[in-house]
Amino acid sequence: MAELTLNHYLILSGVLFSIGVIGVLTRRNVIVVYMCIELMFNAANLMIIAFSNSLGDMTGHVFVFMVMAVAAAEAAVGLAIIIALYRNKKTVDVDEVNLLKG
């Protein structure tokens, strides 16, 4: 059975981050864009954990737990904003929502 190395984790992290970037740039639904941003956060967390594990240091693990706590709070606030946006504009399409216009 092959052992997973740091390169495997970095490649997986890069692929996940790329999928997130492509989703943010191509999708027009606010919820899908939001999910792609969360995917990019998780890819960065995976990279931090991989480097921390390869260096034998637990500092990266603690940092990722802090990032996950902030991301959970951000998810709650972000979804509340999306719900308020839908109630106000009756759409979640990025192109149709422009809050600067009256």
N, C-alpha and C. Protein backbone atom coordinates (compact mmCIF):
# COMPACT_ATOMS: atom_id res chain seq x y z
N MET A 1 0.84 -1.18 0.00
CA MET A 1 0.00 0.00 0.00
C MET A 1 0.89 1.24 0.00
N ALA A 2 0.59 2.16 -0.89
CA ALA A 2 1.42 3.36 -1.04
C ALA A 2 1.15 4.34 0.09
N GLU A 3 2.20 4.99 0.52
CA GLU A 3 2.07 5.98 1.58
C GLU A 3 1.77 7.34 0.97
N LEU A 4 0.89 8.07 1.60
CA LEU A 4 0.56 9.41 1.13
C LEU A 4 1.64 10.38 1.60
N THR A 5 2.16 11.16 0.68
CA THR A 5 3.20 12.12 1.01
C THR A 5 2.64 13.53 0.99
N LEU A 6 3.49 14.46 1.32
CA LEU A 6 3.08 15.87 1.31
C LEU A 6 2.61 16.30 -0.08
N ASN A 7 3.25 15.79 -1.11
CA ASN A 7 2.87 16.17 -2.48
C ASN A 7 1.43 15.77 -2.80
N HIS A 8 1.00 14.61 -2.32
CA HIS A 8 -0.37 14.18 -2.57
C HIS A 8 -1.37 15.16 -1.97
N TYR A 9 -1.10 15.57 -0.74
CA TYR A 9 -2.00 16.52 -0.08
C TYR A 9 -1.98 17.89 -0.75
N LEU A 10 -0.81 18.32 -1.20
CA LEU A 10 -0.72 19.62 -1.87
C LEU A 10 -1.43 19.60 -3.22
N ILE A 11 -1.33 18.48 -3.93
CA ILE A 11 -2.02 18.38 -5.21
C ILE A 11 -3.53 18.39 -4.98
N LEU A 12 -4.00 17.63 -3.99
CA LEU A 12 -5.43 17.63 -3.68
C LEU A 12 -5.90 19.02 -3.27
N SER A 13 -5.12 19.71 -2.45
CA SER A 13 -5.47 21.05 -2.03
C SER A 13 -5.53 22.00 -3.23
N GLY A 14 -4.57 21.88 -4.13
CA GLY A 14 -4.57 22.73 -5.33
C GLY A 14 -5.76 22.48 -6.23
N VAL A 15 -6.13 21.19 -6.38
CA VAL A 15 -7.29 20.85 -7.21
C VAL A 15 -8.57 21.41 -6.58
N LEU A 16 -8.73 21.24 -5.27
CA LEU A 16 -9.92 21.78 -4.61
C LEU A 16 -9.98 23.29 -4.70
N PHE A 17 -8.83 23.95 -4.52
CA PHE A 17 -8.81 25.41 -4.62
C PHE A 17 -9.15 25.86 -6.04
N SER A 18 -8.63 25.15 -7.04
CA SER A 18 -8.92 25.49 -8.44
C SER A 18 -10.39 25.32 -8.76
N ILE A 19 -11.01 24.26 -8.26
CA ILE A 19 -12.45 24.06 -8.46
C ILE A 19 -13.23 25.21 -7.84
N GLY A 20 -12.80 25.65 -6.65
CA GLY A 20 -13.45 26.78 -6.00
C GLY A 20 -13.33 28.07 -6.80
N VAL A 21 -12.14 28.33 -7.31
CA VAL A 21 -11.92 29.56 -8.10
C VAL A 21 -12.75 29.53 -9.37
N ILE A 22 -12.76 28.38 -10.05
CA ILE A 22 -13.56 28.27 -11.27
C ILE A 22 -15.04 28.47 -10.97
N GLY A 23 -15.51 27.91 -9.85
CA GLY A 23 -16.91 28.09 -9.47
C GLY A 23 -17.25 29.53 -9.17
N VAL A 24 -16.35 30.24 -8.50
CA VAL A 24 -16.60 31.65 -8.19
C VAL A 24 -16.64 32.49 -9.46
N LEU A 25 -15.78 32.18 -10.40
CA LEU A 25 -15.70 32.98 -11.62
C LEU A 25 -16.80 32.66 -12.64
N THR A 26 -17.34 31.45 -12.61
CA THR A 26 -18.28 31.07 -13.66
C THR A 26 -19.74 31.03 -13.21
N ARG A 27 -20.01 30.82 -11.96
CA ARG A 27 -21.39 30.66 -11.50
C ARG A 27 -22.01 32.01 -11.17
N ARG A 28 -23.32 32.09 -11.32
CA ARG A 28 -24.03 33.34 -11.06
C ARG A 28 -24.94 33.25 -9.85
N ASN A 29 -25.15 32.07 -9.30
CA ASN A 29 -25.99 31.91 -8.13
C ASN A 29 -25.17 32.23 -6.89
N VAL A 30 -25.70 33.11 -6.04
CA VAL A 30 -24.97 33.56 -4.86
C VAL A 30 -24.65 32.39 -3.93
N ILE A 31 -25.56 31.45 -3.79
CA ILE A 31 -25.34 30.32 -2.89
C ILE A 31 -24.22 29.42 -3.42
N VAL A 32 -24.17 29.18 -4.73
CA VAL A 32 -23.11 28.36 -5.31
C VAL A 32 -21.76 29.08 -5.18
N VAL A 33 -21.74 30.38 -5.40
CA VAL A 33 -20.50 31.15 -5.23
C VAL A 33 -20.03 31.06 -3.78
N TYR A 34 -20.96 31.16 -2.87
CA TYR A 34 -20.63 31.07 -1.43
C TYR A 34 -20.05 29.70 -1.09
N MET A 35 -20.64 28.64 -1.65
CA MET A 35 -20.12 27.28 -1.42
C MET A 35 -18.72 27.12 -2.01
N CYS A 36 -18.45 27.75 -3.14
CA CYS A 36 -17.13 27.67 -3.75
C CYS A 36 -16.09 28.42 -2.91
N ILE A 37 -16.47 29.50 -2.30
CA ILE A 37 -15.57 30.22 -1.40
C ILE A 37 -15.24 29.36 -0.19
N GLU A 38 -16.24 28.67 0.35
CA GLU A 38 -16.00 27.76 1.47
C GLU A 38 -15.08 26.61 1.05
N LEU A 39 -15.21 26.14 -0.18
CA LEU A 39 -14.33 25.09 -0.69
C LEU A 39 -12.89 25.59 -0.75
N MET A 40 -12.70 26.84 -1.14
CA MET A 40 -11.35 27.41 -1.18
C MET A 40 -10.78 27.53 0.23
N PHE A 41 -11.59 27.91 1.22
CA PHE A 41 -11.14 27.95 2.61
C PHE A 41 -10.69 26.57 3.08
N ASN A 42 -11.48 25.55 2.75
CA ASN A 42 -11.13 24.20 3.17
C ASN A 42 -9.88 23.69 2.48
N ALA A 43 -9.65 24.09 1.24
CA ALA A 43 -8.42 23.71 0.54
C ALA A 43 -7.21 24.34 1.23
N ALA A 44 -7.36 25.58 1.64
CA ALA A 44 -6.26 26.24 2.36
C ALA A 44 -6.02 25.57 3.70
N ASN A 45 -7.08 25.17 4.39
CA ASN A 45 -6.93 24.46 5.66
C ASN A 45 -6.22 23.12 5.47
N LEU A 46 -6.55 22.41 4.40
CA LEU A 46 -5.89 21.15 4.10
C LEU A 46 -4.40 21.35 3.87
N MET A 47 -4.05 22.42 3.17
CA MET A 47 -2.64 22.71 2.93
C MET A 47 -1.91 23.03 4.24
N ILE A 48 -2.54 23.80 5.10
CA ILE A 48 -1.93 24.14 6.39
C ILE A 48 -1.71 22.88 7.23
N ILE A 49 -2.71 22.01 7.26
CA ILE A 49 -2.60 20.76 8.02
C ILE A 49 -1.50 19.87 7.44
N ALA A 50 -1.40 19.81 6.11
CA ALA A 50 -0.38 18.97 5.47
C ALA A 50 1.02 19.46 5.83
N PHE A 51 1.23 20.76 5.76
CA PHE A 51 2.55 21.29 6.11
C PHE A 51 2.84 21.11 7.60
N SER A 52 1.84 21.31 8.42
CA SER A 52 2.03 21.14 9.86
C SER A 52 2.37 19.69 10.19
N ASN A 53 1.70 18.77 9.55
CA ASN A 53 1.96 17.35 9.79
C ASN A 53 3.34 16.95 9.31
N SER A 54 3.76 17.47 8.16
CA SER A 54 5.07 17.10 7.63
C SER A 54 6.21 17.69 8.47
N LEU A 55 5.96 18.82 9.11
CA LEU A 55 6.98 19.43 9.96
C LEU A 55 6.95 18.89 11.38
N GLY A 56 5.90 18.13 11.71
CA GLY A 56 5.79 17.57 13.05
C GLY A 56 5.44 18.59 14.11
N ASP A 57 4.77 19.66 13.72
CA ASP A 57 4.42 20.75 14.62
C ASP A 57 2.90 20.83 14.73
N MET A 58 2.39 21.06 15.92
CA MET A 58 0.95 21.12 16.12
C MET A 58 0.39 22.53 15.99
N THR A 59 1.21 23.50 15.73
CA THR A 59 0.75 24.89 15.61
C THR A 59 -0.23 25.05 14.46
N GLY A 60 0.02 24.39 13.34
CA GLY A 60 -0.89 24.47 12.20
C GLY A 60 -2.25 23.91 12.50
N HIS A 61 -2.30 22.83 13.29
CA HIS A 61 -3.57 22.23 13.67
C HIS A 61 -4.41 23.21 14.50
N VAL A 62 -3.76 23.87 15.44
CA VAL A 62 -4.46 24.85 16.28
C VAL A 62 -4.95 26.01 15.43
N PHE A 63 -4.12 26.46 14.49
CA PHE A 63 -4.50 27.56 13.61
C PHE A 63 -5.71 27.19 12.77
N VAL A 64 -5.75 25.95 12.27
CA VAL A 64 -6.89 25.51 11.45
C VAL A 64 -8.17 25.46 12.29
N PHE A 65 -8.08 25.04 13.55
CA PHE A 65 -9.28 25.06 14.40
C PHE A 65 -9.79 26.49 14.59
N MET A 66 -8.89 27.44 14.72
CA MET A 66 -9.31 28.83 14.84
C MET A 66 -9.97 29.32 13.54
N VAL A 67 -9.38 28.97 12.41
CA VAL A 67 -9.95 29.36 11.12
C VAL A 67 -11.32 28.73 10.93
N MET A 68 -11.49 27.47 11.34
CA MET A 68 -12.79 26.82 11.21
C MET A 68 -13.85 27.47 12.10
N ALA A 69 -13.46 27.93 13.28
CA ALA A 69 -14.40 28.62 14.16
C ALA A 69 -14.85 29.94 13.53
N VAL A 70 -13.92 30.68 12.97
CA VAL A 70 -14.27 31.94 12.30
C VAL A 70 -15.11 31.66 11.06
N ALA A 71 -14.80 30.59 10.33
CA ALA A 71 -15.56 30.25 9.12
C ALA A 71 -16.99 29.85 9.47
N ALA A 72 -17.19 29.20 10.61
CA ALA A 72 -18.55 28.85 11.02
C ALA A 72 -19.37 30.10 11.32
N ALA A 73 -18.76 31.05 11.98
CA ALA A 73 -19.46 32.32 12.25
C ALA A 73 -19.72 33.06 10.94
N GLU A 74 -18.75 33.04 10.05
CA GLU A 74 -18.90 33.70 8.75
C GLU A 74 -20.00 33.04 7.94
N ALA A 75 -20.12 31.72 8.03
CA ALA A 75 -21.17 31.01 7.30
C ALA A 75 -22.55 31.42 7.79
N ALA A 76 -22.71 31.55 9.09
CA ALA A 76 -24.00 31.97 9.64
C ALA A 76 -24.37 33.37 9.19
N VAL A 77 -23.41 34.28 9.24
CA VAL A 77 -23.68 35.66 8.81
C VAL A 77 -23.90 35.73 7.31
N GLY A 78 -23.10 35.00 6.55
CA GLY A 78 -23.24 35.01 5.10
C GLY A 78 -24.58 34.47 4.64
N LEU A 79 -25.02 33.37 5.23
CA LEU A 79 -26.32 32.82 4.86
C LEU A 79 -27.46 33.75 5.27
N ALA A 80 -27.32 34.43 6.39
CA ALA A 80 -28.33 35.41 6.79
C ALA A 80 -28.40 36.56 5.79
N ILE A 81 -27.27 37.01 5.30
CA ILE A 81 -27.24 38.07 4.28
C ILE A 81 -27.89 37.58 2.99
N ILE A 82 -27.61 36.34 2.60
CA ILE A 82 -28.20 35.79 1.38
C ILE A 82 -29.72 35.70 1.51
N ILE A 83 -30.20 35.27 2.67
CA ILE A 83 -31.65 35.19 2.90
C ILE A 83 -32.28 36.58 2.86
N ALA A 84 -31.64 37.55 3.48
CA ALA A 84 -32.15 38.93 3.44
C ALA A 84 -32.15 39.47 2.02
N LEU A 85 -31.12 39.14 1.26
CA LEU A 85 -31.05 39.58 -0.14
C LEU A 85 -32.18 38.98 -0.95
N TYR A 86 -32.45 37.71 -0.74
CA TYR A 86 -33.55 37.05 -1.47
C TYR A 86 -34.89 37.65 -1.09
N ARG A 87 -35.09 37.92 0.17
CA ARG A 87 -36.37 38.52 0.61
C ARG A 87 -36.56 39.92 0.04
N ASN A 88 -35.47 40.64 -0.14
CA ASN A 88 -35.55 42.01 -0.63
C ASN A 88 -35.67 42.06 -2.16
N LYS A 89 -34.85 41.29 -2.86
CA LYS A 89 -34.78 41.37 -4.33
C LYS A 89 -35.49 40.23 -5.06
N LYS A 90 -35.91 39.18 -4.33
CA LYS A 90 -36.58 38.01 -4.91
C LYS A 90 -35.72 37.27 -5.93
N THR A 91 -34.41 37.34 -5.79
CA THR A 91 -33.49 36.61 -6.66
C THR A 91 -32.17 36.40 -5.92
N VAL A 92 -31.45 35.36 -6.33
CA VAL A 92 -30.10 35.14 -5.81
C VAL A 92 -29.09 35.11 -6.95
N ASP A 93 -29.47 35.68 -8.09
CA ASP A 93 -28.58 35.76 -9.24
C ASP A 93 -27.66 36.96 -9.08
N VAL A 94 -26.37 36.72 -9.22
CA VAL A 94 -25.37 37.77 -8.99
C VAL A 94 -25.53 38.91 -9.99
N ASP A 95 -25.85 38.59 -11.24
CA ASP A 95 -25.99 39.64 -12.27
C ASP A 95 -27.19 40.54 -12.04
N GLU A 96 -28.25 40.00 -11.46
CA GLU A 96 -29.47 40.79 -11.28
C GLU A 96 -29.49 41.59 -9.98
N VAL A 97 -28.58 41.31 -9.09
CA VAL A 97 -28.55 41.98 -7.79
C VAL A 97 -27.49 43.08 -7.84
N ASN A 98 -27.94 44.31 -7.74
CA ASN A 98 -27.05 45.44 -7.67
C ASN A 98 -27.60 46.37 -6.60
N LEU A 99 -26.98 46.35 -5.43
CA LEU A 99 -27.50 47.11 -4.31
C LEU A 99 -27.18 48.61 -4.42
N LEU A 100 -26.30 48.99 -5.33
CA LEU A 100 -25.96 50.40 -5.47
C LEU A 100 -27.03 51.17 -6.25
N LYS A 101 -27.82 50.44 -7.04
CA LYS A 101 -28.93 51.07 -7.75
C LYS A 101 -30.14 51.07 -6.85
N GLY A 102 -30.90 52.13 -6.87
CA GLY A 102 -32.07 52.28 -6.02
C GLY A 102 -33.18 51.45 -6.36
